[in-house]
Protein backbone atom coordinates (compact mmCIF):
# COMPACT_ATOMS: atom_id res chain seq x y z
CA MET A 1 -5.06 3.35 13.92
CA ASP A 2 -6.31 2.68 10.41
CA LYS A 3 -9.10 4.97 9.01
CA VAL A 4 -11.84 4.48 6.74
CA VAL A 5 -10.71 5.70 2.97
CA HIS A 6 -13.07 4.94 0.90
CA PHE A 7 -16.82 3.51 0.23
CA GLU A 8 -18.49 1.36 -2.72
CA ILE A 9 -21.99 1.71 -3.16
CA PRO A 10 -23.52 -1.43 -5.26
CA VAL A 11 -25.66 -0.76 -8.14
CA ASP A 12 -28.29 -2.69 -10.26
CA ASP A 13 -28.12 -0.42 -12.90
CA ARG A 14 -24.78 1.77 -13.20
CA ALA A 15 -26.09 4.00 -15.70
CA ARG A 16 -29.09 5.23 -13.28
CA ALA A 17 -26.93 5.07 -10.51
CA LYS A 18 -24.11 7.38 -12.30
CA GLU A 19 -26.90 10.02 -12.94
CA PHE A 20 -28.33 10.19 -9.59
CA TYR A 21 -24.86 10.69 -7.73
CA ALA A 22 -23.75 12.94 -10.19
CA SER A 23 -26.92 15.06 -10.33
CA VAL A 24 -27.87 15.10 -6.73
CA PHE A 25 -24.45 15.14 -5.09
CA GLU A 26 -22.46 16.68 -7.97
CA TRP A 27 -20.11 13.82 -7.80
CA ASP A 28 -17.53 13.12 -10.83
CA VAL A 29 -18.36 9.73 -11.69
CA GLN A 30 -15.81 8.21 -14.22
CA ASP A 31 -16.12 4.50 -15.25
CA THR A 32 -12.45 2.75 -15.22
CA ASP A 33 -11.63 -0.54 -17.16
CA MET A 34 -10.37 -2.60 -14.41
CA GLY A 35 -9.38 -5.44 -16.98
CA GLY A 36 -10.60 -8.52 -17.87
CA GLY A 37 -13.82 -7.01 -19.05
CA ASN A 38 -14.57 -5.55 -15.67
CA ILE A 39 -15.81 -1.85 -15.16
CA TYR A 40 -15.87 0.18 -11.88
CA THR A 41 -17.32 3.32 -11.44
CA MET A 42 -15.12 6.12 -9.61
CA ALA A 43 -17.11 8.28 -7.60
CA GLY A 44 -15.17 11.37 -6.84
CA THR A 45 -16.34 13.41 -3.77
CA VAL A 46 -13.18 15.73 -4.03
CA ALA A 47 -10.41 16.17 -6.45
CA THR A 48 -7.82 13.37 -6.39
CA ASP A 49 -4.05 13.12 -6.74
CA GLU A 50 -1.98 10.74 -9.44
CA LYS A 51 -3.30 7.74 -7.37
CA MET A 52 -6.63 8.62 -7.13
CA GLN A 53 -6.32 9.61 -3.73
CA PRO A 54 -8.00 12.89 -2.32
CA LYS A 55 -6.35 15.78 -2.29
CA GLU A 56 -8.35 17.16 0.56
CA THR A 57 -7.33 16.09 4.13
CA GLY A 58 -10.21 14.10 5.94
CA ALA A 59 -12.09 13.28 2.83
CA ILE A 60 -12.81 10.04 0.89
CA ASN A 61 -14.02 9.25 -2.86
CA GLY A 62 -15.47 5.93 -3.35
CA GLY A 63 -16.90 3.80 -6.39
CA LEU A 64 -20.12 2.25 -7.77
CA MET A 65 -19.80 -1.65 -8.35
CA ASP A 66 -22.28 -4.21 -9.45
CA ARG A 67 -24.22 -5.82 -6.78
CA THR A 68 -23.34 -9.30 -6.08
CA SER A 69 -24.77 -11.48 -3.37
CA ASP A 70 -21.62 -11.04 -1.35
CA LEU A 71 -21.64 -7.24 -1.85
CA SER A 72 -25.11 -6.30 -1.96
CA VAL A 73 -25.18 -3.45 0.64
CA PRO A 74 -22.65 -0.49 0.65
CA VAL A 75 -19.30 -1.15 1.81
CA ILE A 76 -16.64 0.99 4.05
CA THR A 77 -13.11 0.40 2.99
CA ILE A 78 -10.07 0.86 5.75
CA GLY A 79 -6.73 1.98 4.57
CA VAL A 80 -3.82 -0.37 5.80
CA ASP A 81 -0.13 -0.84 5.46
CA SER A 82 -0.24 -4.58 4.34
CA ILE A 83 -3.27 -6.12 3.29
CA ASP A 84 -1.96 -9.45 3.74
CA ASP A 85 -1.13 -9.00 7.26
CA SER A 86 -4.49 -7.28 8.24
CA LEU A 87 -6.34 -10.28 6.59
CA LYS A 88 -4.11 -12.60 9.10
CA LYS A 89 -5.48 -10.59 12.04
CA VAL A 90 -8.91 -10.60 10.47
CA GLU A 91 -9.24 -14.41 10.66
CA ALA A 92 -7.25 -14.82 14.03
CA GLY A 93 -10.11 -12.65 15.20
CA GLY A 94 -12.83 -14.50 13.63
CA GLY A 95 -13.46 -13.20 10.68
CA SER A 96 -13.05 -14.68 7.01
CA THR A 97 -11.74 -13.47 3.81
CA ILE A 98 -13.84 -12.93 0.96
CA THR A 99 -11.66 -11.49 -1.69
CA PRO A 100 -7.89 -12.03 -1.06
CA ARG A 101 -5.52 -8.92 -1.81
CA THR A 102 -5.87 -7.57 -5.47
CA PRO A 103 -3.46 -5.57 -7.12
CA ILE A 104 -4.47 -2.64 -8.94
CA PRO A 105 -1.71 -1.40 -11.21
CA ASN A 106 -0.26 2.09 -10.15
CA MET A 107 -2.51 2.23 -7.46
CA GLY A 108 -2.42 -0.43 -4.69
CA ALA A 109 -4.57 -3.26 -3.68
CA PHE A 110 -7.81 -4.26 -2.17
CA ALA A 111 -9.49 -6.92 -0.32
CA TYR A 112 -12.89 -7.97 1.20
CA PHE A 113 -13.39 -9.58 4.46
CA ARG A 114 -16.51 -10.66 6.44
CA ASP A 115 -16.13 -9.94 10.14
CA THR A 116 -17.93 -11.44 13.01
CA GLU A 117 -21.28 -9.80 12.76
CA GLY A 118 -21.49 -10.92 9.05
CA ASN A 119 -20.47 -7.29 7.70
CA VAL A 120 -18.42 -7.00 4.71
CA ILE A 121 -15.52 -4.60 4.72
CA GLY A 122 -12.88 -3.56 2.45
CA LEU A 123 -8.92 -3.13 2.77
CA TRP A 124 -6.91 -0.77 0.70
CA GLU A 125 -3.01 -0.43 0.77
CA THR A 126 -1.77 2.09 -1.48
CA ALA A 127 1.24 1.45 -4.04
CA MET A 128 4.37 2.83 -2.77
């Protein structure tokens, strides 16, 4: 059974959102350069290891991302062994791929899909 491993919260004003989550929930919010001028804000709710995975069993961390038309509401992310295999199952089950498998060096890869109800869900594959 695949587990929820990450969350993403879309934001319109990154600085304002970072201040909100850091001050209200004491999250560790740090900008990460994803290359190509893309900035992603990691939202740490618990300590992480060298691959940015939570050290605390059962806990998840997340991120703040720029709001887009496809990613306009909070998104949960499911950890899978193979994004490619999972996207094939998604499409066979009536869903559709929004963002194909996208590698993040030294961490893993992500993808987004739309389920049969129109929800956007993320997939995460940890680097081995």
